[in-house]
Amino acid sequence: MPNSDYYPLAVGNTWTYKMKDGKTFTNTVTGADGATFAMSNSLTPAATHVRKEGNDYLTDSMEAGKWLVMLKEGLKKGDTWQVEFTANGFNSILIYTVKEVGISKDVEGKPFSDVVFIEADSKLNMNGNVISMNFLTQYYYAKGIGLILTTSSRGDAMPLTSYVVK
């Protein structure tokens, strides 16, 4: 039976993405401890972790030791959620908004169906004042496959080029 999660978690799953300069990197699920999965990225030495609790996917990749919601199942267009974390000494806020659900998306010439499109608006909290960074990141997740494309308001794109999902 195919996996129906937007972010299928199983040891050995891999996703390879192409960066703007043409180089690639691979995210791999390297281990599991109960419902928590260790993830490695071929570009960084530190492992991160992902776990699913109910309909929420949580990660510690934004701030070590802090579990934050990166994705949800059962999404509807217009759903929103917010995460707050410290990155490089800055109090950062991401406001996620579900833009589309159940769409089709072509990535690198390959069609994907049952895709959810989520946009994250980046903000900073400076002494209690929330300041827009005027930077948006778009995430496209395909059911049973995972993240298939990341784009940004700067024109960057990181398409999925290959994957193995068990």
N, C-alpha and C. Protein backbone atom coordinates (compact mmCIF):
# COMPACT_ATOMS: atom_id res chain seq x y z
N MET A 1 0.85 -1.19 0.00
CA MET A 1 0.00 0.00 0.00
C MET A 1 0.89 1.24 0.00
N PRO A 2 0.68 2.17 -0.93
CA PRO A 2 1.53 3.37 -0.98
C PRO A 2 1.33 4.24 0.25
N ASN A 3 2.38 4.92 0.63
CA ASN A 3 2.33 5.83 1.77
C ASN A 3 1.50 7.05 1.39
N SER A 4 0.60 7.46 2.28
CA SER A 4 -0.28 8.59 1.98
C SER A 4 0.11 9.85 2.77
N ASP A 5 1.29 9.83 3.41
CA ASP A 5 1.76 10.99 4.15
C ASP A 5 2.43 11.99 3.21
N TYR A 6 2.37 13.26 3.57
CA TYR A 6 3.07 14.29 2.81
C TYR A 6 4.58 14.24 3.06
N TYR A 7 4.99 13.63 4.16
CA TYR A 7 6.41 13.51 4.47
C TYR A 7 6.65 12.11 5.00
N PRO A 8 6.77 11.13 4.10
CA PRO A 8 6.92 9.74 4.55
C PRO A 8 8.25 9.53 5.28
N LEU A 9 8.15 9.00 6.48
CA LEU A 9 9.33 8.77 7.32
C LEU A 9 9.59 7.28 7.46
N ALA A 10 10.72 6.84 6.93
CA ALA A 10 11.19 5.47 7.10
C ALA A 10 12.70 5.48 6.89
N VAL A 11 13.39 4.68 7.69
CA VAL A 11 14.84 4.61 7.57
C VAL A 11 15.20 4.18 6.14
N GLY A 12 16.11 4.93 5.54
CA GLY A 12 16.55 4.65 4.17
C GLY A 12 15.90 5.54 3.13
N ASN A 13 14.83 6.26 3.48
CA ASN A 13 14.23 7.19 2.52
C ASN A 13 15.24 8.29 2.20
N THR A 14 15.34 8.65 0.91
CA THR A 14 16.25 9.71 0.49
C THR A 14 15.56 10.62 -0.52
N TRP A 15 15.96 11.88 -0.48
CA TRP A 15 15.47 12.88 -1.43
C TRP A 15 16.68 13.69 -1.88
N THR A 16 16.88 13.80 -3.19
CA THR A 16 18.00 14.58 -3.73
C THR A 16 17.44 15.79 -4.46
N TYR A 17 18.02 16.95 -4.15
CA TYR A 17 17.55 18.23 -4.69
C TYR A 17 18.68 18.92 -5.44
N LYS A 18 18.31 19.72 -6.44
CA LYS A 18 19.27 20.50 -7.21
C LYS A 18 19.21 21.95 -6.73
N MET A 19 20.39 22.52 -6.51
CA MET A 19 20.48 23.91 -6.09
C MET A 19 20.65 24.82 -7.29
N LYS A 20 20.59 26.11 -7.04
CA LYS A 20 20.69 27.12 -8.10
C LYS A 20 21.97 26.98 -8.93
N ASP A 21 23.08 26.59 -8.28
CA ASP A 21 24.36 26.46 -8.98
C ASP A 21 24.51 25.13 -9.72
N GLY A 22 23.46 24.30 -9.68
CA GLY A 22 23.49 23.02 -10.38
C GLY A 22 23.98 21.86 -9.52
N LYS A 23 24.59 22.16 -8.37
CA LYS A 23 25.03 21.10 -7.46
C LYS A 23 23.81 20.48 -6.79
N THR A 24 24.00 19.28 -6.23
CA THR A 24 22.89 18.60 -5.56
C THR A 24 23.24 18.32 -4.10
N PHE A 25 22.21 18.07 -3.31
CA PHE A 25 22.37 17.58 -1.95
C PHE A 25 21.28 16.56 -1.69
N THR A 26 21.55 15.69 -0.72
CA THR A 26 20.61 14.61 -0.41
C THR A 26 20.24 14.64 1.06
N ASN A 27 18.96 14.54 1.34
CA ASN A 27 18.46 14.34 2.69
C ASN A 27 18.13 12.86 2.83
N THR A 28 18.59 12.25 3.92
CA THR A 28 18.39 10.82 4.14
C THR A 28 17.89 10.57 5.55
N VAL A 29 16.90 9.69 5.70
CA VAL A 29 16.47 9.23 7.02
C VAL A 29 17.46 8.14 7.42
N THR A 30 18.30 8.42 8.42
CA THR A 30 19.40 7.52 8.78
C THR A 30 19.11 6.62 9.97
N GLY A 31 18.10 6.93 10.75
CA GLY A 31 17.81 6.11 11.92
C GLY A 31 16.49 6.49 12.53
N ALA A 32 16.05 5.65 13.46
CA ALA A 32 14.79 5.91 14.15
C ALA A 32 14.91 5.50 15.61
N ASP A 33 14.30 6.30 16.46
CA ASP A 33 14.20 5.99 17.88
C ASP A 33 12.74 6.18 18.24
N GLY A 34 11.97 5.10 18.14
CA GLY A 34 10.53 5.22 18.32
C GLY A 34 9.95 6.00 17.17
N ALA A 35 9.23 7.09 17.47
CA ALA A 35 8.59 7.91 16.44
C ALA A 35 9.48 9.05 15.96
N THR A 36 10.71 9.13 16.48
CA THR A 36 11.63 10.19 16.09
C THR A 36 12.65 9.65 15.09
N PHE A 37 12.79 10.35 13.97
CA PHE A 37 13.67 9.91 12.90
C PHE A 37 14.84 10.86 12.77
N ALA A 38 16.06 10.30 12.67
CA ALA A 38 17.27 11.09 12.45
C ALA A 38 17.42 11.33 10.96
N MET A 39 17.75 12.57 10.62
CA MET A 39 17.91 12.98 9.23
C MET A 39 19.32 13.50 9.03
N SER A 40 19.91 13.13 7.89
CA SER A 40 21.20 13.72 7.54
C SER A 40 21.04 14.48 6.23
N ASN A 41 21.82 15.54 6.10
CA ASN A 41 21.87 16.33 4.89
C ASN A 41 23.31 16.26 4.41
N SER A 42 23.51 15.92 3.14
CA SER A 42 24.87 15.73 2.62
C SER A 42 25.72 17.00 2.66
N LEU A 43 25.11 18.15 2.92
CA LEU A 43 25.86 19.41 2.98
C LEU A 43 26.27 19.83 4.39
N THR A 44 25.63 19.23 5.40
CA THR A 44 25.91 19.65 6.78
C THR A 44 26.22 18.44 7.65
N PRO A 45 27.16 18.58 8.58
CA PRO A 45 27.55 17.43 9.41
C PRO A 45 26.55 17.09 10.52
N ALA A 46 25.80 18.08 10.99
CA ALA A 46 24.91 17.84 12.13
C ALA A 46 23.61 17.18 11.70
N ALA A 47 23.23 16.14 12.41
CA ALA A 47 21.95 15.48 12.15
C ALA A 47 20.81 16.32 12.72
N THR A 48 19.67 16.25 12.09
CA THR A 48 18.46 16.86 12.63
C THR A 48 17.45 15.73 12.83
N HIS A 49 16.31 16.07 13.39
CA HIS A 49 15.32 15.06 13.71
C HIS A 49 13.94 15.51 13.29
N VAL A 50 13.11 14.53 12.91
CA VAL A 50 11.73 14.78 12.53
C VAL A 50 10.88 13.72 13.21
N ARG A 51 9.71 14.12 13.67
CA ARG A 51 8.76 13.14 14.19
C ARG A 51 7.35 13.59 13.85
N LYS A 52 6.46 12.64 13.79
CA LYS A 52 5.06 12.95 13.52
C LYS A 52 4.27 12.70 14.79
N GLU A 53 3.52 13.73 15.20
CA GLU A 53 2.64 13.63 16.37
C GLU A 53 1.25 13.98 15.90
N GLY A 54 0.38 12.98 15.82
CA GLY A 54 -0.95 13.21 15.28
C GLY A 54 -0.83 13.63 13.84
N ASN A 55 -1.34 14.80 13.49
CA ASN A 55 -1.25 15.32 12.12
C ASN A 55 -0.07 16.27 11.92
N ASP A 56 0.73 16.49 12.95
CA ASP A 56 1.83 17.46 12.87
C ASP A 56 3.18 16.78 12.67
N TYR A 57 3.98 17.34 11.76
CA TYR A 57 5.37 16.94 11.61
C TYR A 57 6.20 17.98 12.33
N LEU A 58 6.99 17.54 13.29
CA LEU A 58 7.83 18.45 14.06
C LEU A 58 9.29 18.20 13.73
N THR A 59 10.09 19.27 13.78
CA THR A 59 11.51 19.16 13.51
C THR A 59 12.29 20.01 14.50
N ASP A 60 13.54 19.60 14.74
CA ASP A 60 14.44 20.42 15.56
C ASP A 60 15.48 21.11 14.67
N SER A 61 15.22 21.14 13.37
CA SER A 61 16.20 21.69 12.43
C SER A 61 16.28 23.22 12.45
N MET A 62 15.25 23.88 12.94
CA MET A 62 15.28 25.35 12.96
C MET A 62 16.05 25.88 14.16
N GLU A 63 15.94 25.16 15.29
CA GLU A 63 16.67 25.54 16.51
C GLU A 63 16.92 24.25 17.28
N ALA A 64 18.18 23.96 17.55
CA ALA A 64 18.54 22.73 18.27
C ALA A 64 17.80 22.65 19.60
N GLY A 65 17.22 21.49 19.86
CA GLY A 65 16.53 21.26 21.12
C GLY A 65 15.11 21.80 21.18
N LYS A 66 14.63 22.42 20.11
CA LYS A 66 13.28 22.99 20.11
C LYS A 66 12.49 22.35 18.98
N TRP A 67 11.40 21.68 19.33
CA TRP A 67 10.55 21.01 18.35
C TRP A 67 9.51 21.98 17.82
N LEU A 68 9.49 22.17 16.49
CA LEU A 68 8.58 23.11 15.85
C LEU A 68 7.83 22.43 14.71
N VAL A 69 6.59 22.86 14.48
CA VAL A 69 5.77 22.27 13.42
C VAL A 69 6.26 22.79 12.07
N MET A 70 6.65 21.86 11.18
CA MET A 70 7.10 22.23 9.84
C MET A 70 6.07 21.91 8.78
N LEU A 71 5.13 21.01 9.11
CA LEU A 71 4.15 20.53 8.14
C LEU A 71 3.03 19.86 8.90
N LYS A 72 1.86 19.80 8.28
CA LYS A 72 0.70 19.15 8.89
C LYS A 72 0.01 18.29 7.84
N GLU A 73 -0.67 17.27 8.30
CA GLU A 73 -1.57 16.48 7.44
C GLU A 73 -2.97 17.07 7.60
N GLY A 74 -3.87 16.71 6.70
CA GLY A 74 -5.26 17.16 6.80
C GLY A 74 -5.43 18.64 6.55
N LEU A 75 -4.54 19.22 5.76
CA LEU A 75 -4.57 20.66 5.52
C LEU A 75 -5.71 21.07 4.58
N LYS A 76 -6.20 22.29 4.82
CA LYS A 76 -7.19 22.90 3.94
C LYS A 76 -6.64 24.25 3.48
N LYS A 77 -7.03 24.67 2.29
CA LYS A 77 -6.61 25.97 1.78
C LYS A 77 -6.97 27.04 2.79
N GLY A 78 -6.00 27.92 3.09
CA GLY A 78 -6.23 29.00 4.05
C GLY A 78 -5.76 28.69 5.46
N ASP A 79 -5.48 27.41 5.78
CA ASP A 79 -4.95 27.08 7.11
C ASP A 79 -3.64 27.82 7.34
N THR A 80 -3.39 28.23 8.58
CA THR A 80 -2.14 28.90 8.94
C THR A 80 -1.62 28.37 10.27
N TRP A 81 -0.32 28.49 10.47
CA TRP A 81 0.29 28.27 11.78
C TRP A 81 1.59 29.06 11.82
N GLN A 82 2.08 29.26 13.02
CA GLN A 82 3.26 30.10 13.22
C GLN A 82 4.27 29.37 14.09
N VAL A 83 5.55 29.52 13.79
CA VAL A 83 6.61 28.99 14.65
C VAL A 83 7.58 30.12 14.96
N GLU A 84 8.13 30.07 16.17
CA GLU A 84 9.11 31.07 16.60
C GLU A 84 10.36 30.35 17.08
N PHE A 85 11.52 30.84 16.65
CA PHE A 85 12.77 30.19 16.98
C PHE A 85 13.89 31.22 16.91
N THR A 86 15.05 30.86 17.45
CA THR A 86 16.22 31.73 17.39
C THR A 86 17.19 31.15 16.36
N ALA A 87 17.57 31.97 15.39
CA ALA A 87 18.52 31.57 14.35
C ALA A 87 19.59 32.65 14.23
N ASN A 88 20.84 32.26 14.38
CA ASN A 88 21.95 33.21 14.29
C ASN A 88 21.77 34.40 15.22
N GLY A 89 21.19 34.14 16.40
CA GLY A 89 21.00 35.18 17.40
C GLY A 89 19.77 36.04 17.20
N PHE A 90 19.00 35.78 16.15
CA PHE A 90 17.80 36.56 15.87
C PHE A 90 16.54 35.80 16.24
N ASN A 91 15.58 36.50 16.83
CA ASN A 91 14.28 35.92 17.13
C ASN A 91 13.46 35.90 15.84
N SER A 92 13.33 34.72 15.27
CA SER A 92 12.71 34.56 13.96
C SER A 92 11.30 34.00 14.08
N ILE A 93 10.47 34.38 13.13
CA ILE A 93 9.09 33.91 13.06
C ILE A 93 8.81 33.47 11.63
N LEU A 94 8.21 32.31 11.48
CA LEU A 94 7.70 31.87 10.18
C LEU A 94 6.20 31.72 10.31
N ILE A 95 5.48 32.35 9.41
CA ILE A 95 4.03 32.21 9.37
C ILE A 95 3.70 31.41 8.11
N TYR A 96 3.24 30.18 8.32
CA TYR A 96 2.90 29.28 7.22
C TYR A 96 1.45 29.46 6.82
N THR A 97 1.19 29.51 5.51
CA THR A 97 -0.17 29.60 4.98
C THR A 97 -0.33 28.56 3.87
N VAL A 98 -1.39 27.77 3.96
CA VAL A 98 -1.68 26.78 2.92
C VAL A 98 -2.35 27.52 1.77
N LYS A 99 -1.69 27.50 0.60
CA LYS A 99 -2.18 28.21 -0.57
C LYS A 99 -3.06 27.33 -1.45
N GLU A 100 -2.70 26.05 -1.60
CA GLU A 100 -3.46 25.11 -2.44
C GLU A 100 -3.33 23.71 -1.87
N VAL A 101 -4.35 22.88 -2.08
CA VAL A 101 -4.33 21.48 -1.65
C VAL A 101 -4.86 20.63 -2.80
N GLY A 102 -4.21 19.48 -3.04
CA GLY A 102 -4.70 18.55 -4.05
C GLY A 102 -4.40 18.96 -5.47
N ILE A 103 -3.38 19.80 -5.67
CA ILE A 103 -3.04 20.27 -7.01
C ILE A 103 -2.06 19.32 -7.69
N SER A 104 -1.84 19.51 -8.97
CA SER A 104 -0.79 18.83 -9.71
C SER A 104 0.35 19.81 -9.93
N LYS A 105 1.58 19.29 -9.92
CA LYS A 105 2.76 20.15 -10.09
C LYS A 105 3.81 19.39 -10.87
N ASP A 106 4.32 20.01 -11.94
CA ASP A 106 5.43 19.44 -12.69
C ASP A 106 6.74 19.96 -12.11
N VAL A 107 7.67 19.04 -11.83
CA VAL A 107 8.98 19.41 -11.29
C VAL A 107 10.03 18.68 -12.12
N GLU A 108 10.90 19.45 -12.76
CA GLU A 108 11.95 18.87 -13.60
C GLU A 108 11.37 17.93 -14.65
N GLY A 109 10.21 18.31 -15.20
CA GLY A 109 9.58 17.51 -16.25
C GLY A 109 8.80 16.31 -15.77
N LYS A 110 8.72 16.11 -14.45
CA LYS A 110 7.98 14.97 -13.90
C LYS A 110 6.70 15.48 -13.23
N PRO A 111 5.55 14.91 -13.59
CA PRO A 111 4.30 15.35 -12.97
C PRO A 111 4.09 14.70 -11.60
N PHE A 112 3.62 15.49 -10.65
CA PHE A 112 3.24 15.00 -9.33
C PHE A 112 1.79 15.38 -9.08
N SER A 113 1.05 14.49 -8.44
CA SER A 113 -0.35 14.79 -8.12
C SER A 113 -0.53 14.80 -6.61
N ASP A 114 -1.69 15.26 -6.18
CA ASP A 114 -2.04 15.36 -4.76
C ASP A 114 -0.96 16.13 -3.99
N VAL A 115 -0.69 17.34 -4.49
CA VAL A 115 0.35 18.20 -3.93
C VAL A 115 -0.29 19.28 -3.07
N VAL A 116 0.36 19.59 -1.95
CA VAL A 116 -0.04 20.72 -1.12
C VAL A 116 1.03 21.80 -1.30
N PHE A 117 0.57 23.04 -1.45
CA PHE A 117 1.44 24.21 -1.64
C PHE A 117 1.31 25.08 -0.41
N ILE A 118 2.44 25.26 0.29
CA ILE A 118 2.48 26.04 1.53
C ILE A 118 3.50 27.16 1.36
N GLU A 119 3.14 28.36 1.84
CA GLU A 119 4.06 29.49 1.76
C GLU A 119 4.39 29.96 3.17
N ALA A 120 5.68 30.23 3.41
CA ALA A 120 6.13 30.72 4.71
C ALA A 120 6.61 32.16 4.56
N ASP A 121 6.08 33.03 5.41
CA ASP A 121 6.46 34.45 5.45
C ASP A 121 7.44 34.63 6.60
N SER A 122 8.65 35.11 6.30
CA SER A 122 9.70 35.28 7.31
C SER A 122 9.61 36.65 7.97
N LYS A 123 9.68 36.63 9.30
CA LYS A 123 9.64 37.88 10.08
C LYS A 123 10.67 37.79 11.20
N LEU A 124 11.04 38.95 11.74
CA LEU A 124 11.92 39.02 12.90
C LEU A 124 11.19 39.73 14.03
N ASN A 125 11.48 39.31 15.25
CA ASN A 125 10.94 39.98 16.43
C ASN A 125 12.10 40.75 17.05
N MET A 126 12.10 42.05 16.87
CA MET A 126 13.16 42.91 17.41
C MET A 126 12.58 43.73 18.56
N ASN A 127 12.95 43.36 19.78
CA ASN A 127 12.49 44.07 20.98
C ASN A 127 10.97 44.20 21.02
N GLY A 128 10.28 43.12 20.64
CA GLY A 128 8.82 43.12 20.68
C GLY A 128 8.15 43.67 19.43
N ASN A 129 8.92 44.19 18.52
CA ASN A 129 8.37 44.69 17.25
C ASN A 129 8.57 43.63 16.17
N VAL A 130 7.48 43.18 15.57
CA VAL A 130 7.56 42.19 14.50
C VAL A 130 7.81 42.91 13.19
N ILE A 131 8.92 42.55 12.54
CA ILE A 131 9.35 43.22 11.32
C ILE A 131 9.35 42.21 10.18
N SER A 132 8.70 42.56 9.09
CA SER A 132 8.68 41.69 7.91
C SER A 132 10.05 41.69 7.26
N MET A 133 10.47 40.52 6.82
CA MET A 133 11.73 40.40 6.09
C MET A 133 11.50 40.54 4.58
N ASN A 134 10.22 40.67 4.19
CA ASN A 134 9.86 40.74 2.77
C ASN A 134 10.45 39.55 2.01
N PHE A 135 10.37 38.37 2.66
CA PHE A 135 10.92 37.15 2.06
C PHE A 135 9.92 36.01 2.27
N LEU A 136 9.52 35.41 1.16
CA LEU A 136 8.58 34.29 1.19
C LEU A 136 9.25 33.04 0.66
N THR A 137 8.95 31.90 1.28
CA THR A 137 9.44 30.61 0.81
C THR A 137 8.23 29.74 0.51
N GLN A 138 8.25 29.09 -0.66
CA GLN A 138 7.15 28.23 -1.08
C GLN A 138 7.61 26.77 -1.02
N TYR A 139 6.78 25.93 -0.42
CA TYR A 139 7.06 24.50 -0.29
C TYR A 139 5.95 23.72 -0.98
N TYR A 140 6.34 22.73 -1.77
CA TYR A 140 5.39 21.85 -2.45
C TYR A 140 5.68 20.42 -2.00
N TYR A 141 4.69 19.80 -1.35
CA TYR A 141 4.81 18.43 -0.87
C TYR A 141 3.82 17.55 -1.62
N ALA A 142 4.30 16.41 -2.13
CA ALA A 142 3.43 15.44 -2.81
C ALA A 142 3.16 14.28 -1.86
N LYS A 143 1.90 13.88 -1.77
CA LYS A 143 1.53 12.75 -0.91
C LYS A 143 2.30 11.52 -1.31
N GLY A 144 2.83 10.83 -0.31
CA GLY A 144 3.55 9.59 -0.52
C GLY A 144 4.98 9.78 -0.99
N ILE A 145 5.39 11.04 -1.25
CA ILE A 145 6.74 11.29 -1.75
C ILE A 145 7.51 12.23 -0.83
N GLY A 146 6.91 13.35 -0.45
CA GLY A 146 7.59 14.33 0.39
C GLY A 146 7.76 15.65 -0.33
N LEU A 147 8.76 16.41 0.08
CA LEU A 147 9.03 17.74 -0.48
C LEU A 147 9.55 17.58 -1.91
N ILE A 148 8.83 18.16 -2.88
CA ILE A 148 9.22 18.02 -4.29
C ILE A 148 9.82 19.31 -4.85
N LEU A 149 9.56 20.44 -4.21
CA LEU A 149 10.08 21.71 -4.72
C LEU A 149 10.04 22.76 -3.62
N THR A 150 11.13 23.54 -3.55
CA THR A 150 11.17 24.72 -2.69
C THR A 150 11.55 25.89 -3.58
N THR A 151 10.78 26.98 -3.48
CA THR A 151 11.08 28.20 -4.22
C THR A 151 11.04 29.37 -3.24
N SER A 152 11.51 30.54 -3.69
CA SER A 152 11.46 31.70 -2.81
C SER A 152 11.15 32.95 -3.62
N SER A 153 10.83 34.01 -2.89
CA SER A 153 10.53 35.29 -3.53
C SER A 153 11.78 35.91 -4.16
N ARG A 154 12.94 35.35 -3.91
CA ARG A 154 14.18 35.80 -4.57
C ARG A 154 14.38 35.12 -5.92
N GLY A 155 13.50 34.19 -6.26
CA GLY A 155 13.63 33.48 -7.53
C GLY A 155 14.42 32.19 -7.43
N ASP A 156 14.83 31.82 -6.22
CA ASP A 156 15.55 30.57 -6.03
C ASP A 156 14.59 29.40 -6.21
N ALA A 157 15.14 28.26 -6.63
CA ALA A 157 14.35 27.04 -6.73
C ALA A 157 15.24 25.85 -6.41
N MET A 158 14.72 24.91 -5.62
CA MET A 158 15.41 23.65 -5.33
C MET A 158 14.45 22.51 -5.66
N PRO A 159 14.52 22.02 -6.90
CA PRO A 159 13.63 20.92 -7.30
C PRO A 159 14.17 19.56 -6.86
N LEU A 160 13.25 18.65 -6.60
CA LEU A 160 13.56 17.26 -6.34
C LEU A 160 14.03 16.64 -7.65
N THR A 161 15.18 15.96 -7.63
CA THR A 161 15.67 15.31 -8.85
C THR A 161 15.55 13.80 -8.78
N SER A 162 15.61 13.23 -7.57
CA SER A 162 15.41 11.79 -7.41
C SER A 162 15.03 11.51 -5.97
N TYR A 163 14.43 10.35 -5.74
CA TYR A 163 14.03 9.98 -4.38
C TYR A 163 13.85 8.48 -4.29
N VAL A 164 13.96 7.99 -3.05
CA VAL A 164 13.63 6.61 -2.71
C VAL A 164 12.75 6.67 -1.48
N VAL A 165 11.53 6.22 -1.58
CA VAL A 165 10.61 6.20 -0.44
C VAL A 165 10.14 4.77 -0.26
N LYS A 166 10.35 4.24 0.94
CA LYS A 166 9.99 2.85 1.25
C LYS A 166 8.59 2.76 1.80
